[in-house]
PDB file of all heavy atoms in Angstrom:
ATOM      1  N   CYS A   1       4.344  12.268  -5.054  1.00  0.00           N
ATOM      2  CA  CYS A   1       5.675  12.549  -5.689  1.00  0.00           C
ATOM      3  C   CYS A   1       6.031  11.467  -6.694  1.00  0.00           C
ATOM      4  O   CYS A   1       6.565  11.770  -7.756  1.00  0.00           O
ATOM      5  CB  CYS A   1       6.713  12.675  -4.597  1.00  0.00           C
ATOM      6  SG  CYS A   1       8.350  13.190  -5.223  1.00  0.00           S
ATOM      7  N   VAL A   2       5.788  10.198  -6.388  1.00  0.00           N
ATOM      8  CA  VAL A   2       6.105   9.110  -7.303  1.00  0.00           C
ATOM      9  C   VAL A   2       5.225   9.273  -8.562  1.00  0.00           C
ATOM     10  O   VAL A   2       5.735   9.088  -9.689  1.00  0.00           O
ATOM     11  CB  VAL A   2       5.890   7.731  -6.632  1.00  0.00           C
ATOM     12  CG1 VAL A   2       5.972   6.612  -7.644  1.00  0.00           C
ATOM     13  CG2 VAL A   2       6.918   7.549  -5.528  1.00  0.00           C
ATOM     14  N   GLN A   3       3.952   9.518  -8.394  1.00  0.00           N
ATOM     15  CA  GLN A   3       3.074   9.647  -9.572  1.00  0.00           C
ATOM     16  C   GLN A   3       3.435  10.878 -10.429  1.00  0.00           C
ATOM     17  O   GLN A   3       3.271  10.869 -11.624  1.00  0.00           O
ATOM     18  CB  GLN A   3       1.663   9.702  -9.131  1.00  0.00           C
ATOM     19  CG  GLN A   3       1.108   8.391  -8.574  1.00  0.00           C
ATOM     20  CD  GLN A   3      -0.335   8.490  -8.085  1.00  0.00           C
ATOM     21  OE1 GLN A   3      -0.894   9.579  -8.077  1.00  0.00           O
ATOM     22  NE2 GLN A   3      -0.902   7.328  -7.745  1.00  0.00           N
ATOM     23  N   PHE A   4       3.917  11.913  -9.761  1.00  0.00           N
ATOM     24  CA  PHE A   4       4.301  13.154 -10.526  1.00  0.00           C
ATOM     25  C   PHE A   4       5.614  12.916 -11.281  1.00  0.00           C
ATOM     26  O   PHE A   4       5.706  13.309 -12.416  1.00  0.00           O
ATOM     27  CB  PHE A   4       4.397  14.313  -9.515  1.00  0.00           C
ATOM     28  CG  PHE A   4       4.902  15.567 -10.178  1.00  0.00           C
ATOM     29  CD1 PHE A   4       4.127  16.296 -11.078  1.00  0.00           C
ATOM     30  CD2 PHE A   4       6.210  16.037  -9.913  1.00  0.00           C
ATOM     31  CE1 PHE A   4       4.612  17.446 -11.699  1.00  0.00           C
ATOM     32  CE2 PHE A   4       6.703  17.190 -10.531  1.00  0.00           C
ATOM     33  CZ  PHE A   4       5.880  17.883 -11.418  1.00  0.00           C
ATOM     34  N   VAL A   5       6.583  12.331 -10.643  1.00  0.00           N
ATOM     35  CA  VAL A   5       7.881  12.108 -11.287  1.00  0.00           C
ATOM     36  C   VAL A   5       7.775  11.028 -12.338  1.00  0.00           C
ATOM     37  O   VAL A   5       8.288  11.141 -13.452  1.00  0.00           O
ATOM     38  CB  VAL A   5       8.958  11.808 -10.232  1.00  0.00           C
ATOM     39  CG1 VAL A   5      10.291  11.486 -10.922  1.00  0.00           C
ATOM     40  CG2 VAL A   5       9.102  12.959  -9.283  1.00  0.00           C
ATOM     41  N   CYS A   6       7.113   9.904 -11.943  1.00  0.00           N
ATOM     42  CA  CYS A   6       6.950   8.771 -12.867  1.00  0.00           C
ATOM     43  C   CYS A   6       5.458   8.785 -13.345  1.00  0.00           C
ATOM     44  O   CYS A   6       4.643   8.221 -12.664  1.00  0.00           O
ATOM     45  CB  CYS A   6       7.312   7.441 -12.226  1.00  0.00           C
ATOM     46  SG  CYS A   6       8.966   7.424 -11.512  1.00  0.00           S
ATOM     47  N   GLU A   7       5.204   9.405 -14.433  1.00  0.00           N
ATOM     48  CA  GLU A   7       3.856   9.616 -14.842  1.00  0.00           C
ATOM     49  C   GLU A   7       3.125   8.326 -15.147  1.00  0.00           C
ATOM     50  O   GLU A   7       1.899   8.225 -14.980  1.00  0.00           O
ATOM     51  CB  GLU A   7       3.813  10.557 -16.093  1.00  0.00           C
ATOM     52  CG  GLU A   7       4.362  11.913 -15.855  1.00  0.00           C
ATOM     53  CD  GLU A   7       4.360  12.760 -17.130  1.00  0.00           C
ATOM     54  OE1 GLU A   7       3.961  12.198 -18.160  1.00  0.00           O
ATOM     55  OE2 GLU A   7       4.734  13.941 -17.062  1.00  0.00           O
ATOM     56  N   SER A   8       3.852   7.310 -15.537  1.00  0.00           N
ATOM     57  CA  SER A   8       3.193   6.054 -15.854  1.00  0.00           C
ATOM     58  C   SER A   8       3.015   5.130 -14.678  1.00  0.00           C
ATOM     59  O   SER A   8       2.451   4.017 -14.810  1.00  0.00           O
ATOM     60  CB  SER A   8       4.015   5.285 -16.940  1.00  0.00           C
ATOM     61  OG  SER A   8       5.342   5.020 -16.448  1.00  0.00           O
ATOM     62  N   ALA A   9       3.502   5.525 -13.498  1.00  0.00           N
ATOM     63  CA  ALA A   9       3.437   4.671 -12.317  1.00  0.00           C
ATOM     64  C   ALA A   9       2.028   4.683 -11.782  1.00  0.00           C
ATOM     65  O   ALA A   9       1.486   5.707 -11.488  1.00  0.00           O
ATOM     66  CB  ALA A   9       4.417   5.133 -11.292  1.00  0.00           C
ATOM     67  N   THR A  10       1.430   3.483 -11.661  1.00  0.00           N
ATOM     68  CA  THR A  10       0.050   3.339 -11.167  1.00  0.00           C
ATOM     69  C   THR A  10      -0.060   2.598  -9.866  1.00  0.00           C
ATOM     70  O   THR A  10      -1.054   2.714  -9.170  1.00  0.00           O
ATOM     71  CB  THR A  10      -0.831   2.646 -12.217  1.00  0.00           C
ATOM     72  OG1 THR A  10      -0.295   1.365 -12.513  1.00  0.00           O
ATOM     73  CG2 THR A  10      -0.863   3.503 -13.512  1.00  0.00           C
ATOM     74  N   GLU A  11       0.976   1.766  -9.551  1.00  0.00           N
ATOM     75  CA  GLU A  11       0.890   0.985  -8.338  1.00  0.00           C
ATOM     76  C   GLU A  11       1.124   1.863  -7.109  1.00  0.00           C
ATOM     77  O   GLU A  11       1.757   2.879  -7.177  1.00  0.00           O
ATOM     78  CB  GLU A  11       1.897  -0.165  -8.352  1.00  0.00           C
ATOM     79  CG  GLU A  11       3.340   0.315  -8.419  1.00  0.00           C
ATOM     80  CD  GLU A  11       4.312  -0.847  -8.453  1.00  0.00           C
ATOM     81  OE1 GLU A  11       4.245  -1.652  -9.416  1.00  0.00           O
ATOM     82  OE2 GLU A  11       5.103  -0.919  -7.528  1.00  0.00           O
ATOM     83  N   GLN A  12       0.546   1.354  -6.001  1.00  0.00           N
ATOM     84  CA  GLN A  12       0.682   2.106  -4.774  1.00  0.00           C
ATOM     85  C   GLN A  12       2.042   1.855  -4.090  1.00  0.00           C
ATOM     86  O   GLN A  12       2.529   0.727  -4.157  1.00  0.00           O
ATOM     87  CB  GLN A  12      -0.461   1.710  -3.799  1.00  0.00           C
ATOM     88  CG  GLN A  12      -1.843   2.175  -4.284  1.00  0.00           C
ATOM     89  CD  GLN A  12      -2.879   1.828  -3.245  1.00  0.00           C
ATOM     90  OE1 GLN A  12      -2.638   0.975  -2.372  1.00  0.00           O
ATOM     91  NE2 GLN A  12      -4.024   2.486  -3.294  1.00  0.00           N
ATOM     92  N   VAL A  13       2.552   2.896  -3.470  1.00  0.00           N
ATOM     93  CA  VAL A  13       3.800   2.725  -2.743  1.00  0.00           C
ATOM     94  C   VAL A  13       3.502   2.198  -1.325  1.00  0.00           C
ATOM     95  O   VAL A  13       2.376   2.332  -0.846  1.00  0.00           O
ATOM     96  CB  VAL A  13       4.585   4.081  -2.666  1.00  0.00           C
ATOM     97  CG1 VAL A  13       4.979   4.563  -4.044  1.00  0.00           C
ATOM     98  CG2 VAL A  13       3.737   5.124  -1.966  1.00  0.00           C
ATOM     99  N   VAL A  14       4.514   1.594  -0.709  1.00  0.00           N
ATOM    100  CA  VAL A  14       4.390   1.051   0.659  1.00  0.00           C
ATOM    101  C   VAL A  14       3.047   0.417   0.916  1.00  0.00           C
ATOM    102  O   VAL A  14       2.263   0.857   1.748  1.00  0.00           O
ATOM    103  CB  VAL A  14       4.743   2.142   1.690  1.00  0.00           C
ATOM    104  CG1 VAL A  14       6.206   2.543   1.662  1.00  0.00           C
ATOM    105  CG2 VAL A  14       3.872   3.383   1.512  1.00  0.00           C
ATOM    106  N   PRO A  15       2.706  -0.663   0.215  1.00  0.00           N
ATOM    107  CA  PRO A  15       1.370  -1.249   0.349  1.00  0.00           C
ATOM    108  C   PRO A  15       1.100  -1.778   1.760  1.00  0.00           C
ATOM    109  O   PRO A  15       0.001  -1.618   2.302  1.00  0.00           O
ATOM    110  CB  PRO A  15       1.373  -2.404  -0.673  1.00  0.00           C
ATOM    111  CG  PRO A  15       2.813  -2.689  -0.907  1.00  0.00           C
ATOM    112  CD  PRO A  15       3.562  -1.405  -0.781  1.00  0.00           C
ATOM    113  N   LEU A  16       2.120  -2.471   2.382  1.00  0.00           N
ATOM    114  CA  LEU A  16       1.863  -3.006   3.691  1.00  0.00           C
ATOM    115  C   LEU A  16       1.682  -1.884   4.711  1.00  0.00           C
ATOM    116  O   LEU A  16       0.779  -1.959   5.572  1.00  0.00           O
ATOM    117  CB  LEU A  16       3.042  -3.916   4.079  1.00  0.00           C
ATOM    118  CG  LEU A  16       2.928  -4.576   5.458  1.00  0.00           C
ATOM    119  CD1 LEU A  16       1.684  -5.429   5.534  1.00  0.00           C
ATOM    120  CD2 LEU A  16       4.165  -5.409   5.788  1.00  0.00           C
ATOM    121  N   LEU A  17       2.506  -0.863   4.643  1.00  0.00           N
ATOM    122  CA  LEU A  17       2.335   0.288   5.513  1.00  0.00           C
ATOM    123  C   LEU A  17       1.010   0.941   5.377  1.00  0.00           C
ATOM    124  O   LEU A  17       0.354   1.327   6.370  1.00  0.00           O
ATOM    125  CB  LEU A  17       3.490   1.276   5.306  1.00  0.00           C
ATOM    126  CG  LEU A  17       3.516   2.504   6.183  1.00  0.00           C
ATOM    127  CD1 LEU A  17       3.600   2.126   7.651  1.00  0.00           C
ATOM    128  CD2 LEU A  17       4.695   3.395   5.814  1.00  0.00           C
ATOM    129  N   ARG A  18       0.545   1.048   4.127  1.00  0.00           N
ATOM    130  CA  ARG A  18      -0.749   1.620   3.846  1.00  0.00           C
ATOM    131  C   ARG A  18      -1.862   0.734   4.481  1.00  0.00           C
ATOM    132  O   ARG A  18      -2.859   1.257   5.032  1.00  0.00           O
ATOM    133  CB  ARG A  18      -0.989   1.798   2.374  1.00  0.00           C
ATOM    134  CG  ARG A  18      -2.192   2.602   1.975  1.00  0.00           C
ATOM    135  CD  ARG A  18      -2.359   2.552   0.465  1.00  0.00           C
ATOM    136  NE  ARG A  18      -1.267   3.284  -0.158  1.00  0.00           N
ATOM    137  CZ  ARG A  18      -1.260   4.575  -0.437  1.00  0.00           C
ATOM    138  NH1 ARG A  18      -2.358   5.297  -0.074  1.00  0.00           N
ATOM    139  NH2 ARG A  18      -0.277   5.172  -1.044  1.00  0.00           N
ATOM    140  N   HIS A  19      -1.692  -0.559   4.362  1.00  0.00           N
ATOM    141  CA  HIS A  19      -2.687  -1.517   4.953  1.00  0.00           C
ATOM    142  C   HIS A  19      -2.771  -1.358   6.453  1.00  0.00           C
ATOM    143  O   HIS A  19      -3.876  -1.282   7.065  1.00  0.00           O
ATOM    144  CB  HIS A  19      -2.295  -2.945   4.582  1.00  0.00           C
ATOM    145  CG  HIS A  19      -3.186  -3.967   5.212  1.00  0.00           C
ATOM    146  ND1 HIS A  19      -4.409  -4.408   4.683  1.00  0.00           N
ATOM    147  CD2 HIS A  19      -3.010  -4.671   6.375  1.00  0.00           C
ATOM    148  CE1 HIS A  19      -4.918  -5.317   5.466  1.00  0.00           C
ATOM    149  NE2 HIS A  19      -4.130  -5.521   6.507  1.00  0.00           N
ATOM    150  N   VAL A  20      -1.585  -1.313   7.131  1.00  0.00           N
ATOM    151  CA  VAL A  20      -1.605  -1.129   8.597  1.00  0.00           C
ATOM    152  C   VAL A  20      -2.167   0.246   8.967  1.00  0.00           C
ATOM    153  O   VAL A  20      -2.885   0.381   9.988  1.00  0.00           O
ATOM    154  CB  VAL A  20      -0.176  -1.272   9.118  1.00  0.00           C
ATOM    155  CG1 VAL A  20      -0.136  -1.025  10.631  1.00  0.00           C
ATOM    156  CG2 VAL A  20       0.343  -2.709   8.835  1.00  0.00           C
ATOM    157  N   GLN A  21      -1.890   1.250   8.153  1.00  0.00           N
ATOM    158  CA  GLN A  21      -2.414   2.572   8.443  1.00  0.00           C
ATOM    159  C   GLN A  21      -3.923   2.607   8.314  1.00  0.00           C
ATOM    160  O   GLN A  21      -4.571   3.313   9.075  1.00  0.00           O
ATOM    161  CB  GLN A  21      -1.747   3.564   7.491  1.00  0.00           C
ATOM    162  CG  GLN A  21      -2.225   5.017   7.666  1.00  0.00           C
ATOM    163  CD  GLN A  21      -3.333   5.372   6.653  1.00  0.00           C
ATOM    164  OE1 GLN A  21      -3.283   4.908   5.492  1.00  0.00           O
ATOM    165  NE2 GLN A  21      -4.296   6.073   7.134  1.00  0.00           N
ATOM    166  N   GLU A  22      -4.478   1.808   7.429  1.00  0.00           N
ATOM    167  CA  GLU A  22      -5.934   1.817   7.241  1.00  0.00           C
ATOM    168  C   GLU A  22      -6.644   0.863   8.170  1.00  0.00           C
ATOM    169  O   GLU A  22      -7.691   1.213   8.726  1.00  0.00           O
ATOM    170  CB  GLU A  22      -6.259   1.486   5.788  1.00  0.00           C
ATOM    171  CG  GLU A  22      -5.764   2.509   4.761  1.00  0.00           C
ATOM    172  CD  GLU A  22      -5.981   2.089   3.350  1.00  0.00           C
ATOM    173  OE1 GLU A  22      -6.424   0.913   3.158  1.00  0.00           O
ATOM    174  OE2 GLU A  22      -5.774   2.875   2.450  1.00  0.00           O
ATOM    175  N   ARG A  23      -6.066  -0.346   8.353  1.00  0.00           N
ATOM    176  CA  ARG A  23      -6.832  -1.374   9.153  1.00  0.00           C
ATOM    177  C   ARG A  23      -6.169  -1.786  10.449  1.00  0.00           C
ATOM    178  O   ARG A  23      -6.758  -2.540  11.214  1.00  0.00           O
ATOM    179  CB  ARG A  23      -6.949  -2.651   8.265  1.00  0.00           C
ATOM    180  CG  ARG A  23      -7.644  -2.393   6.933  1.00  0.00           C
ATOM    181  CD  ARG A  23      -7.927  -3.738   6.273  1.00  0.00           C
ATOM    182  NE  ARG A  23      -8.568  -3.561   4.948  1.00  0.00           N
ATOM    183  CZ  ARG A  23      -8.976  -4.529   4.161  1.00  0.00           C
ATOM    184  NH1 ARG A  23      -8.805  -5.794   4.574  1.00  0.00           N
ATOM    185  NH2 ARG A  23      -9.534  -4.262   3.043  1.00  0.00           N
ATOM    186  N   GLY A  24      -4.955  -1.260  10.665  1.00  0.00           N
ATOM    187  CA  GLY A  24      -4.299  -1.634  11.929  1.00  0.00           C
ATOM    188  C   GLY A  24      -3.432  -2.867  11.770  1.00  0.00           C
ATOM    189  O   GLY A  24      -3.244  -3.397  10.672  1.00  0.00           O
ATOM    190  N   ASN A  25      -2.993  -3.387  12.883  1.00  0.00           N
ATOM    191  CA  ASN A  25      -2.138  -4.626  12.896  1.00  0.00           C
ATOM    192  C   ASN A  25      -3.014  -5.848  12.757  1.00  0.00           C
ATOM    193  O   ASN A  25      -3.275  -6.579  13.715  1.00  0.00           O
ATOM    194  CB  ASN A  25      -1.340  -4.632  14.204  1.00  0.00           C
ATOM    195  CG  ASN A  25      -0.339  -5.779  14.190  1.00  0.00           C
ATOM    196  OD1 ASN A  25       0.125  -6.255  13.162  1.00  0.00           O
ATOM    197  ND2 ASN A  25       0.009  -6.227  15.396  1.00  0.00           N
ATOM    198  N   THR A  26      -3.439  -6.108  11.530  1.00  0.00           N
ATOM    199  CA  THR A  26      -4.315  -7.265  11.286  1.00  0.00           C
ATOM    200  C   THR A  26      -3.549  -8.545  11.194  1.00  0.00           C
ATOM    201  O   THR A  26      -2.314  -8.564  11.313  1.00  0.00           O
ATOM    202  CB  THR A  26      -5.100  -7.010   9.963  1.00  0.00           C
ATOM    203  OG1 THR A  26      -4.159  -6.988   8.893  1.00  0.00           O
ATOM    204  CG2 THR A  26      -5.845  -5.701   9.990  1.00  0.00           C
ATOM    205  N   THR A  27      -4.276  -9.615  10.924  1.00  0.00           N
ATOM    206  CA  THR A  27      -3.606 -10.913  10.718  1.00  0.00           C
ATOM    207  C   THR A  27      -2.996 -10.970   9.324  1.00  0.00           C
ATOM    208  O   THR A  27      -3.338 -10.228   8.429  1.00  0.00           O
ATOM    209  CB  THR A  27      -4.601 -12.076  10.886  1.00  0.00           C
ATOM    210  OG1 THR A  27      -5.636 -11.904   9.960  1.00  0.00           O
ATOM    211  CG2 THR A  27      -5.189 -12.059  12.273  1.00  0.00           C
ATOM    212  N   VAL A  28      -2.051 -11.904   9.168  1.00  0.00           N
ATOM    213  CA  VAL A  28      -1.416 -12.113   7.852  1.00  0.00           C
ATOM    214  C   VAL A  28      -2.456 -12.600   6.851  1.00  0.00           C
ATOM    215  O   VAL A  28      -2.458 -12.280   5.704  1.00  0.00           O
ATOM    216  CB  VAL A  28      -0.256 -13.117   7.998  1.00  0.00           C
ATOM    217  CG1 VAL A  28       0.357 -13.387   6.603  1.00  0.00           C
ATOM    218  CG2 VAL A  28       0.797 -12.596   8.965  1.00  0.00           C
ATOM    219  N   TYR A  29      -3.464 -13.361   7.347  1.00  0.00           N
ATOM    220  CA  TYR A  29      -4.539 -13.873   6.541  1.00  0.00           C
ATOM    221  C   TYR A  29      -5.276 -12.704   5.841  1.00  0.00           C
ATOM    222  O   TYR A  29      -5.543 -12.712   4.641  1.00  0.00           O
ATOM    223  CB  TYR A  29      -5.515 -14.690   7.409  1.00  0.00           C
ATOM    224  CG  TYR A  29      -6.685 -15.271   6.657  1.00  0.00           C
ATOM    225  CD1 TYR A  29      -6.646 -16.570   6.147  1.00  0.00           C
ATOM    226  CD2 TYR A  29      -7.852 -14.526   6.484  1.00  0.00           C
ATOM    227  CE1 TYR A  29      -7.739 -17.095   5.511  1.00  0.00           C
ATOM    228  CE2 TYR A  29      -8.977 -15.037   5.855  1.00  0.00           C
ATOM    229  CZ  TYR A  29      -8.898 -16.313   5.343  1.00  0.00           C
ATOM    230  OH  TYR A  29      -9.972 -16.878   4.684  1.00  0.00           O
ATOM    231  N   GLU A  30      -5.638 -11.685   6.685  1.00  0.00           N
ATOM    232  CA  GLU A  30      -6.380 -10.557   6.113  1.00  0.00           C
ATOM    233  C   GLU A  30      -5.501  -9.765   5.138  1.00  0.00           C
ATOM    234  O   GLU A  30      -6.011  -9.228   4.131  1.00  0.00           O
ATOM    235  CB  GLU A  30      -6.796  -9.668   7.267  1.00  0.00           C
ATOM    236  CG  GLU A  30      -7.679  -8.479   6.836  1.00  0.00           C
ATOM    237  CD  GLU A  30      -8.222  -7.690   8.007  1.00  0.00           C
ATOM    238  OE1 GLU A  30      -8.080  -8.188   9.121  1.00  0.00           O
ATOM    239  OE2 GLU A  30      -8.780  -6.586   7.759  1.00  0.00           O
ATOM    240  N   TRP A  31      -4.193  -9.649   5.380  1.00  0.00           N
ATOM    241  CA  TRP A  31      -3.280  -8.906   4.478  1.00  0.00           C
ATOM    242  C   TRP A  31      -3.199  -9.639   3.124  1.00  0.00           C
ATOM    243  O   TRP A  31      -3.183  -9.004   2.072  1.00  0.00           O
ATOM    244  CB  TRP A  31      -1.950  -8.799   5.130  1.00  0.00           C
ATOM    245  CG  TRP A  31      -0.763  -8.624   4.184  1.00  0.00           C
ATOM    246  CD1 TRP A  31       0.229  -9.484   3.957  1.00  0.00           C
ATOM    247  CD2 TRP A  31      -0.523  -7.497   3.343  1.00  0.00           C
ATOM    248  NE1 TRP A  31       1.117  -8.991   3.047  1.00  0.00           N
ATOM    249  CE2 TRP A  31       0.690  -7.741   2.627  1.00  0.00           C
ATOM    250  CE3 TRP A  31      -1.187  -6.274   3.126  1.00  0.00           C
ATOM    251  CZ2 TRP A  31       1.237  -6.845   1.758  1.00  0.00           C
ATOM    252  CZ3 TRP A  31      -0.580  -5.396   2.213  1.00  0.00           C
ATOM    253  CH2 TRP A  31       0.569  -5.687   1.530  1.00  0.00           C
ATOM    254  N   ARG A  32      -3.165 -11.002   3.166  1.00  0.00           N
ATOM    255  CA  ARG A  32      -2.974 -11.729   1.909  1.00  0.00           C
ATOM    256  C   ARG A  32      -4.253 -11.854   1.143  1.00  0.00           C
ATOM    257  O   ARG A  32      -4.228 -11.811  -0.120  1.00  0.00           O
ATOM    258  CB  ARG A  32      -2.387 -13.081   2.218  1.00  0.00           C
ATOM    259  CG  ARG A  32      -0.951 -13.048   2.714  1.00  0.00           C
ATOM    260  CD  ARG A  32      -0.439 -14.469   3.068  1.00  0.00           C
ATOM    261  NE  ARG A  32       0.966 -14.416   3.461  1.00  0.00           N
ATOM    262  CZ  ARG A  32       1.624 -15.457   3.868  1.00  0.00           C
ATOM    263  NH1 ARG A  32       1.040 -16.653   3.994  1.00  0.00           N
ATOM    264  NH2 ARG A  32       2.916 -15.355   4.227  1.00  0.00           N
ATOM    265  N   ARG A  33      -5.407 -12.021   1.796  1.00  0.00           N
ATOM    266  CA  ARG A  33      -6.685 -12.294   1.115  1.00  0.00           C
ATOM    267  C   ARG A  33      -7.573 -11.048   1.039  1.00  0.00           C
ATOM    268  O   ARG A  33      -8.576 -11.074   0.315  1.00  0.00           O
ATOM    269  CB  ARG A  33      -7.425 -13.431   1.800  1.00  0.00           C
ATOM    270  CG  ARG A  33      -6.554 -14.706   1.880  1.00  0.00           C
ATOM    271  CD  ARG A  33      -7.337 -15.909   2.153  1.00  0.00           C
ATOM    272  NE  ARG A  33      -6.552 -17.118   2.241  1.00  0.00           N
ATOM    273  CZ  ARG A  33      -7.096 -18.350   2.315  1.00  0.00           C
ATOM    274  NH1 ARG A  33      -8.386 -18.532   2.326  1.00  0.00           N
ATOM    275  NH2 ARG A  33      -6.261 -19.366   2.365  1.00  0.00           N
TER     276      ARG A  33
END
């Protein structure tokens, strides 16, 4: 919906939520690096 409404938007929405959804409750180290 964001990419359709804002055609120039390339960044991902909810990055931390997407990270947890893909890798689980990882360490802060893994999230930052």
